Amino acid sequence: MILRWLILALSVLVGAFVAQKLGLPFEIEEGAWLEFMLGVAVLSFLNATLGSILKLITLPLTCLTFGISALAINAVILMVAASLEWGFRIPGEGWDRFKTAFIGSLVISIVSSILRSILMKDEDKKSAKEDD
């Protein structure tokens, strides 16, 4: 569980870095590592609860859009977690904020998947898939 939390934290850092390199405002507070880790824990909790419920409700739409609506849900969850401003934030309004969250959540998903496949044992991967 701690390994998954650290993987998500590193993925959020990479997502913020990539978004900033693309000129999008995804900010990580410098020197506030405890706050950042709490923010990552909130993101994980929101994704596990609210994200799972929304993905279940929108399953038919997800099938019709070939998964793009699931990415939009991930972006909304990231926006909600970032609005708490616990170690990271996505400033802006409306479309600009959603665009940043969409790109950030896409990068976070990709990096998280790659790191899980490299770092986690087979048993941990099975339990991680059950959690997703």
N, C-alpha and C. Protein backbone atom coordinates (compact mmCIF):
# COMPACT_ATOMS: atom_id res chain seq x y z
N MET A 1 0.82 -1.19 0.00
CA MET A 1 0.00 0.00 0.00
C MET A 1 0.87 1.26 0.00
N ILE A 2 1.94 1.24 0.79
CA ILE A 2 2.84 2.40 0.82
C ILE A 2 3.54 2.55 -0.52
N LEU A 3 3.90 1.42 -1.13
CA LEU A 3 4.54 1.48 -2.44
C LEU A 3 3.62 2.12 -3.47
N ARG A 4 2.33 1.76 -3.46
CA ARG A 4 1.37 2.37 -4.39
C ARG A 4 1.24 3.87 -4.14
N TRP A 5 1.27 4.27 -2.88
CA TRP A 5 1.17 5.68 -2.52
C TRP A 5 2.39 6.45 -3.04
N LEU A 6 3.58 5.87 -2.87
CA LEU A 6 4.79 6.50 -3.38
C LEU A 6 4.81 6.56 -4.90
N ILE A 7 4.30 5.51 -5.54
CA ILE A 7 4.21 5.51 -7.00
C ILE A 7 3.28 6.62 -7.47
N LEU A 8 2.14 6.78 -6.81
CA LEU A 8 1.21 7.85 -7.18
C LEU A 8 1.85 9.21 -6.95
N ALA A 9 2.58 9.38 -5.85
CA ALA A 9 3.24 10.65 -5.57
C ALA A 9 4.25 10.99 -6.67
N LEU A 10 5.07 10.02 -7.05
CA LEU A 10 6.03 10.25 -8.12
C LEU A 10 5.32 10.53 -9.44
N SER A 11 4.21 9.85 -9.69
CA SER A 11 3.45 10.08 -10.91
C SER A 11 2.86 11.48 -10.95
N VAL A 12 2.39 11.98 -9.82
CA VAL A 12 1.87 13.35 -9.76
C VAL A 12 2.99 14.35 -10.02
N LEU A 13 4.17 14.10 -9.47
CA LEU A 13 5.31 14.98 -9.73
C LEU A 13 5.66 15.01 -11.22
N VAL A 14 5.69 13.84 -11.84
CA VAL A 14 5.99 13.77 -13.28
C VAL A 14 4.88 14.45 -14.08
N GLY A 15 3.62 14.22 -13.68
CA GLY A 15 2.50 14.85 -14.37
C GLY A 15 2.57 16.36 -14.30
N ALA A 16 2.93 16.89 -13.14
CA ALA A 16 3.08 18.34 -12.99
C ALA A 16 4.24 18.86 -13.84
N PHE A 17 5.34 18.12 -13.86
CA PHE A 17 6.50 18.52 -14.65
C PHE A 17 6.16 18.57 -16.14
N VAL A 18 5.50 17.53 -16.64
CA VAL A 18 5.14 17.48 -18.06
C VAL A 18 4.15 18.60 -18.39
N ALA A 19 3.16 18.80 -17.53
CA ALA A 19 2.18 19.86 -17.77
C ALA A 19 2.86 21.23 -17.81
N GLN A 20 3.81 21.46 -16.90
CA GLN A 20 4.52 22.74 -16.90
C GLN A 20 5.36 22.91 -18.16
N LYS A 21 5.96 21.82 -18.63
CA LYS A 21 6.76 21.90 -19.85
C LYS A 21 5.88 22.18 -21.08
N LEU A 22 4.61 21.80 -21.00
CA LEU A 22 3.66 22.10 -22.07
C LEU A 22 3.01 23.48 -21.90
N GLY A 23 3.44 24.21 -20.88
CA GLY A 23 2.92 25.54 -20.64
C GLY A 23 1.61 25.57 -19.88
N LEU A 24 1.28 24.48 -19.20
CA LEU A 24 0.04 24.39 -18.44
C LEU A 24 0.33 24.58 -16.95
N PRO A 25 -0.56 25.27 -16.23
CA PRO A 25 -0.28 25.60 -14.83
C PRO A 25 -0.65 24.50 -13.85
N PHE A 26 0.25 23.57 -13.61
CA PHE A 26 0.08 22.52 -12.61
C PHE A 26 1.21 22.72 -11.62
N GLU A 27 0.89 23.24 -10.44
CA GLU A 27 1.93 23.68 -9.51
C GLU A 27 2.08 22.73 -8.33
N ILE A 28 3.33 22.47 -7.97
CA ILE A 28 3.67 21.70 -6.79
C ILE A 28 4.32 22.67 -5.80
N GLU A 29 3.83 22.68 -4.55
CA GLU A 29 4.41 23.57 -3.54
C GLU A 29 5.79 23.05 -3.15
N GLU A 30 6.77 23.93 -3.22
CA GLU A 30 8.12 23.54 -2.84
C GLU A 30 8.26 23.53 -1.32
N GLY A 31 8.91 22.51 -0.80
CA GLY A 31 9.17 22.42 0.62
C GLY A 31 8.01 21.94 1.47
N ALA A 32 6.89 21.65 0.85
CA ALA A 32 5.72 21.20 1.61
C ALA A 32 5.47 19.72 1.32
N TRP A 33 6.46 18.88 1.61
CA TRP A 33 6.36 17.47 1.24
C TRP A 33 5.30 16.71 2.02
N LEU A 34 5.15 17.01 3.28
CA LEU A 34 4.11 16.35 4.06
C LEU A 34 2.73 16.70 3.53
N GLU A 35 2.56 17.98 3.25
CA GLU A 35 1.29 18.44 2.68
C GLU A 35 1.04 17.78 1.31
N PHE A 36 2.10 17.69 0.51
CA PHE A 36 1.99 17.05 -0.80
C PHE A 36 1.57 15.58 -0.66
N MET A 37 2.19 14.87 0.27
CA MET A 37 1.86 13.46 0.46
C MET A 37 0.42 13.29 0.96
N LEU A 38 -0.05 14.22 1.80
CA LEU A 38 -1.45 14.20 2.22
C LEU A 38 -2.37 14.45 1.03
N GLY A 39 -1.98 15.38 0.17
CA GLY A 39 -2.76 15.65 -1.04
C GLY A 39 -2.83 14.44 -1.95
N VAL A 40 -1.73 13.72 -2.06
CA VAL A 40 -1.71 12.48 -2.86
C VAL A 40 -2.60 11.42 -2.22
N ALA A 41 -2.61 11.35 -0.90
CA ALA A 41 -3.49 10.41 -0.20
C ALA A 41 -4.96 10.76 -0.46
N VAL A 42 -5.28 12.05 -0.46
CA VAL A 42 -6.65 12.48 -0.76
C VAL A 42 -7.00 12.13 -2.20
N LEU A 43 -6.07 12.36 -3.12
CA LEU A 43 -6.30 11.99 -4.53
C LEU A 43 -6.56 10.50 -4.66
N SER A 44 -5.78 9.70 -3.97
CA SER A 44 -5.97 8.25 -4.00
C SER A 44 -7.33 7.85 -3.44
N PHE A 45 -7.71 8.46 -2.32
CA PHE A 45 -9.01 8.18 -1.71
C PHE A 45 -10.16 8.58 -2.63
N LEU A 46 -10.08 9.76 -3.21
CA LEU A 46 -11.13 10.23 -4.12
C LEU A 46 -11.24 9.33 -5.35
N ASN A 47 -10.09 8.91 -5.86
CA ASN A 47 -10.10 8.04 -7.03
C ASN A 47 -10.71 6.68 -6.70
N ALA A 48 -10.42 6.18 -5.51
CA ALA A 48 -10.94 4.87 -5.10
C ALA A 48 -12.43 4.91 -4.80
N THR A 49 -12.93 6.02 -4.31
CA THR A 49 -14.35 6.10 -3.93
C THR A 49 -15.18 6.78 -5.02
N LEU A 50 -15.04 8.08 -5.12
CA LEU A 50 -15.84 8.85 -6.07
C LEU A 50 -15.55 8.43 -7.51
N GLY A 51 -14.27 8.22 -7.82
CA GLY A 51 -13.90 7.82 -9.17
C GLY A 51 -14.51 6.48 -9.57
N SER A 52 -14.49 5.53 -8.66
CA SER A 52 -15.06 4.21 -8.95
C SER A 52 -16.57 4.29 -9.17
N ILE A 53 -17.24 5.09 -8.34
CA ILE A 53 -18.69 5.23 -8.49
C ILE A 53 -19.02 5.90 -9.82
N LEU A 54 -18.32 6.98 -10.15
CA LEU A 54 -18.58 7.68 -11.41
C LEU A 54 -18.27 6.81 -12.63
N LYS A 55 -17.20 6.03 -12.55
CA LYS A 55 -16.86 5.15 -13.67
C LYS A 55 -17.90 4.04 -13.85
N LEU A 56 -18.45 3.56 -12.76
CA LEU A 56 -19.50 2.56 -12.84
C LEU A 56 -20.77 3.15 -13.46
N ILE A 57 -21.14 4.34 -13.02
CA ILE A 57 -22.35 4.98 -13.54
C ILE A 57 -22.21 5.31 -15.03
N THR A 58 -21.02 5.71 -15.44
CA THR A 58 -20.82 6.12 -16.83
C THR A 58 -20.24 5.01 -17.70
N LEU A 59 -20.34 3.77 -17.27
CA LEU A 59 -19.78 2.65 -18.03
C LEU A 59 -20.30 2.58 -19.47
N PRO A 60 -21.60 2.74 -19.71
CA PRO A 60 -22.05 2.73 -21.11
C PRO A 60 -21.42 3.85 -21.95
N LEU A 61 -21.30 5.02 -21.37
CA LEU A 61 -20.67 6.14 -22.08
C LEU A 61 -19.19 5.86 -22.33
N THR A 62 -18.55 5.22 -21.37
CA THR A 62 -17.14 4.86 -21.53
C THR A 62 -16.97 3.89 -22.70
N CYS A 63 -17.89 2.96 -22.84
CA CYS A 63 -17.82 2.01 -23.96
C CYS A 63 -18.03 2.74 -25.29
N LEU A 64 -18.96 3.68 -25.31
CA LEU A 64 -19.24 4.42 -26.55
C LEU A 64 -18.10 5.34 -26.95
N THR A 65 -17.41 5.88 -25.98
CA THR A 65 -16.32 6.83 -26.27
C THR A 65 -14.94 6.19 -26.23
N PHE A 66 -14.90 4.87 -26.16
CA PHE A 66 -13.65 4.12 -26.15
C PHE A 66 -12.72 4.56 -25.01
N GLY A 67 -13.29 4.87 -23.86
CA GLY A 67 -12.51 5.17 -22.67
C GLY A 67 -12.21 6.63 -22.42
N ILE A 68 -12.56 7.50 -23.35
CA ILE A 68 -12.25 8.92 -23.16
C ILE A 68 -13.02 9.50 -21.97
N SER A 69 -14.23 9.03 -21.75
CA SER A 69 -14.99 9.56 -20.60
C SER A 69 -14.34 9.14 -19.28
N ALA A 70 -13.69 7.99 -19.24
CA ALA A 70 -12.96 7.58 -18.03
C ALA A 70 -11.79 8.52 -17.78
N LEU A 71 -11.13 8.96 -18.84
CA LEU A 71 -10.05 9.94 -18.69
C LEU A 71 -10.58 11.27 -18.19
N ALA A 72 -11.78 11.65 -18.67
CA ALA A 72 -12.40 12.89 -18.20
C ALA A 72 -12.74 12.79 -16.72
N ILE A 73 -13.21 11.63 -16.28
CA ILE A 73 -13.51 11.44 -14.86
C ILE A 73 -12.23 11.54 -14.03
N ASN A 74 -11.14 10.95 -14.52
CA ASN A 74 -9.85 11.08 -13.82
C ASN A 74 -9.44 12.55 -13.71
N ALA A 75 -9.69 13.32 -14.77
CA ALA A 75 -9.35 14.74 -14.75
C ALA A 75 -10.18 15.49 -13.72
N VAL A 76 -11.46 15.16 -13.63
CA VAL A 76 -12.34 15.81 -12.65
C VAL A 76 -11.88 15.47 -11.23
N ILE A 77 -11.53 14.21 -11.00
CA ILE A 77 -11.04 13.80 -9.67
C ILE A 77 -9.75 14.55 -9.33
N LEU A 78 -8.85 14.70 -10.30
CA LEU A 78 -7.62 15.45 -10.08
C LEU A 78 -7.92 16.92 -9.78
N MET A 79 -8.90 17.50 -10.48
CA MET A 79 -9.28 18.89 -10.23
C MET A 79 -9.82 19.06 -8.81
N VAL A 80 -10.63 18.11 -8.37
CA VAL A 80 -11.19 18.18 -7.01
C VAL A 80 -10.08 18.10 -5.97
N ALA A 81 -9.16 17.16 -6.15
CA ALA A 81 -8.05 17.02 -5.20
C ALA A 81 -7.15 18.25 -5.23
N ALA A 82 -6.91 18.79 -6.42
CA ALA A 82 -6.04 19.97 -6.54
C ALA A 82 -6.71 21.21 -5.95
N SER A 83 -8.03 21.25 -5.95
CA SER A 83 -8.73 22.43 -5.41
C SER A 83 -8.54 22.55 -3.90
N LEU A 84 -8.18 21.45 -3.23
CA LEU A 84 -7.90 21.50 -1.79
C LEU A 84 -6.56 22.18 -1.51
N GLU A 85 -5.71 22.24 -2.53
CA GLU A 85 -4.39 22.87 -2.46
C GLU A 85 -3.53 22.30 -1.34
N TRP A 86 -3.52 20.98 -1.24
CA TRP A 86 -2.66 20.29 -0.28
C TRP A 86 -1.41 19.80 -1.01
N GLY A 87 -0.48 20.68 -1.24
CA GLY A 87 0.79 20.31 -1.85
C GLY A 87 0.83 20.49 -3.35
N PHE A 88 -0.30 20.49 -4.01
CA PHE A 88 -0.35 20.75 -5.44
C PHE A 88 -1.66 21.43 -5.79
N ARG A 89 -1.63 22.19 -6.87
CA ARG A 89 -2.84 22.89 -7.30
C ARG A 89 -2.82 23.11 -8.80
N ILE A 90 -4.01 23.30 -9.33
CA ILE A 90 -4.17 23.61 -10.74
C ILE A 90 -4.95 24.92 -10.81
N PRO A 91 -4.23 26.03 -10.98
CA PRO A 91 -4.91 27.32 -11.03
C PRO A 91 -5.64 27.50 -12.36
N GLY A 92 -6.52 28.47 -12.38
CA GLY A 92 -7.23 28.77 -13.61
C GLY A 92 -8.72 28.55 -13.46
N GLU A 93 -9.41 28.75 -14.54
CA GLU A 93 -10.86 28.62 -14.57
C GLU A 93 -11.29 27.79 -15.77
N GLY A 94 -12.41 27.12 -15.63
CA GLY A 94 -13.09 26.47 -16.74
C GLY A 94 -12.24 25.53 -17.57
N TRP A 95 -12.27 25.79 -18.89
CA TRP A 95 -11.63 24.91 -19.86
C TRP A 95 -10.13 24.80 -19.63
N ASP A 96 -9.47 25.91 -19.31
CA ASP A 96 -8.01 25.88 -19.10
C ASP A 96 -7.65 24.95 -17.94
N ARG A 97 -8.42 25.02 -16.89
CA ARG A 97 -8.17 24.17 -15.72
C ARG A 97 -8.44 22.71 -16.05
N PHE A 98 -9.53 22.45 -16.77
CA PHE A 98 -9.84 21.07 -17.15
C PHE A 98 -8.78 20.51 -18.09
N LYS A 99 -8.33 21.34 -19.04
CA LYS A 99 -7.30 20.89 -19.98
C LYS A 99 -6.03 20.48 -19.24
N THR A 100 -5.62 21.29 -18.27
CA THR A 100 -4.44 20.96 -17.47
C THR A 100 -4.66 19.67 -16.68
N ALA A 101 -5.84 19.54 -16.06
CA ALA A 101 -6.14 18.33 -15.29
C ALA A 101 -6.21 17.10 -16.20
N PHE A 102 -6.73 17.25 -17.41
CA PHE A 102 -6.83 16.13 -18.35
C PHE A 102 -5.44 15.64 -18.75
N ILE A 103 -4.58 16.57 -19.14
CA ILE A 103 -3.21 16.19 -19.52
C ILE A 103 -2.47 15.62 -18.31
N GLY A 104 -2.62 16.27 -17.16
CA GLY A 104 -1.97 15.77 -15.95
C GLY A 104 -2.43 14.38 -15.56
N SER A 105 -3.73 14.14 -15.62
CA SER A 105 -4.23 12.81 -15.24
C SER A 105 -3.82 11.75 -16.26
N LEU A 106 -3.71 12.13 -17.52
CA LEU A 106 -3.24 11.19 -18.54
C LEU A 106 -1.79 10.79 -18.26
N VAL A 107 -0.95 11.76 -17.97
CA VAL A 107 0.46 11.48 -17.65
C VAL A 107 0.57 10.68 -16.36
N ILE A 108 -0.22 11.06 -15.36
CA ILE A 108 -0.20 10.33 -14.08
C ILE A 108 -0.58 8.87 -14.30
N SER A 109 -1.60 8.61 -15.11
CA SER A 109 -2.02 7.23 -15.38
C SER A 109 -0.93 6.44 -16.08
N ILE A 110 -0.29 7.05 -17.07
CA ILE A 110 0.75 6.35 -17.83
C ILE A 110 1.96 6.05 -16.94
N VAL A 111 2.43 7.06 -16.22
CA VAL A 111 3.61 6.89 -15.36
C VAL A 111 3.31 5.88 -14.25
N SER A 112 2.14 5.99 -13.66
CA SER A 112 1.76 5.07 -12.59
C SER A 112 1.72 3.63 -13.10
N SER A 113 1.17 3.41 -14.27
CA SER A 113 1.11 2.06 -14.84
C SER A 113 2.50 1.51 -15.11
N ILE A 114 3.37 2.35 -15.66
CA ILE A 114 4.73 1.90 -15.96
C ILE A 114 5.48 1.56 -14.67
N LEU A 115 5.39 2.44 -13.67
CA LEU A 115 6.09 2.19 -12.41
C LEU A 115 5.54 0.96 -11.68
N ARG A 116 4.22 0.78 -11.72
CA ARG A 116 3.65 -0.41 -11.08
C ARG A 116 4.14 -1.68 -11.76
N SER A 117 4.22 -1.66 -13.10
CA SER A 117 4.66 -2.86 -13.79
C SER A 117 6.13 -3.18 -13.50
N ILE A 118 6.93 -2.16 -13.22
CA ILE A 118 8.35 -2.37 -12.94
C ILE A 118 8.59 -2.73 -11.47
N LEU A 119 7.94 -2.02 -10.55
CA LEU A 119 8.30 -2.11 -9.14
C LEU A 119 7.49 -3.12 -8.32
N MET A 120 6.30 -3.42 -8.75
CA MET A 120 5.45 -4.26 -7.91
C MET A 120 5.59 -5.73 -8.27
N LYS A 121 5.51 -6.58 -7.27
CA LYS A 121 5.55 -8.02 -7.47
C LYS A 121 4.23 -8.47 -8.08
N ASP A 122 4.18 -9.69 -8.57
CA ASP A 122 2.97 -10.21 -9.21
C ASP A 122 1.77 -10.19 -8.28
N GLU A 123 1.95 -10.54 -7.03
CA GLU A 123 0.84 -10.55 -6.08
C GLU A 123 0.33 -9.14 -5.83
N ASP A 124 1.26 -8.18 -5.73
CA ASP A 124 0.87 -6.79 -5.52
C ASP A 124 0.14 -6.24 -6.73
N LYS A 125 0.55 -6.67 -7.93
CA LYS A 125 -0.11 -6.22 -9.15
C LYS A 125 -1.56 -6.69 -9.19
N LYS A 126 -1.78 -7.93 -8.75
CA LYS A 126 -3.15 -8.46 -8.73
C LYS A 126 -4.02 -7.65 -7.78
N SER A 127 -3.52 -7.34 -6.60
CA SER A 127 -4.31 -6.56 -5.64
C SER A 127 -4.47 -5.13 -6.11
N ALA A 128 -3.47 -4.57 -6.82
CA ALA A 128 -3.58 -3.21 -7.35
C ALA A 128 -4.64 -3.15 -8.44
N LYS A 129 -4.72 -4.17 -9.28
CA LYS A 129 -5.74 -4.20 -10.33
C LYS A 129 -7.13 -4.28 -9.71
N GLU A 130 -7.25 -5.02 -8.61
CA GLU A 130 -8.53 -5.11 -7.93
C GLU A 130 -8.92 -3.77 -7.34
N ASP A 131 -7.93 -2.97 -6.89
CA ASP A 131 -8.22 -1.66 -6.32
C ASP A 131 -8.60 -0.64 -7.37
N ASP A 132 -8.07 -0.78 -8.60
CA ASP A 132 -8.37 0.19 -9.68
C ASP A 132 -9.72 -0.02 -10.20
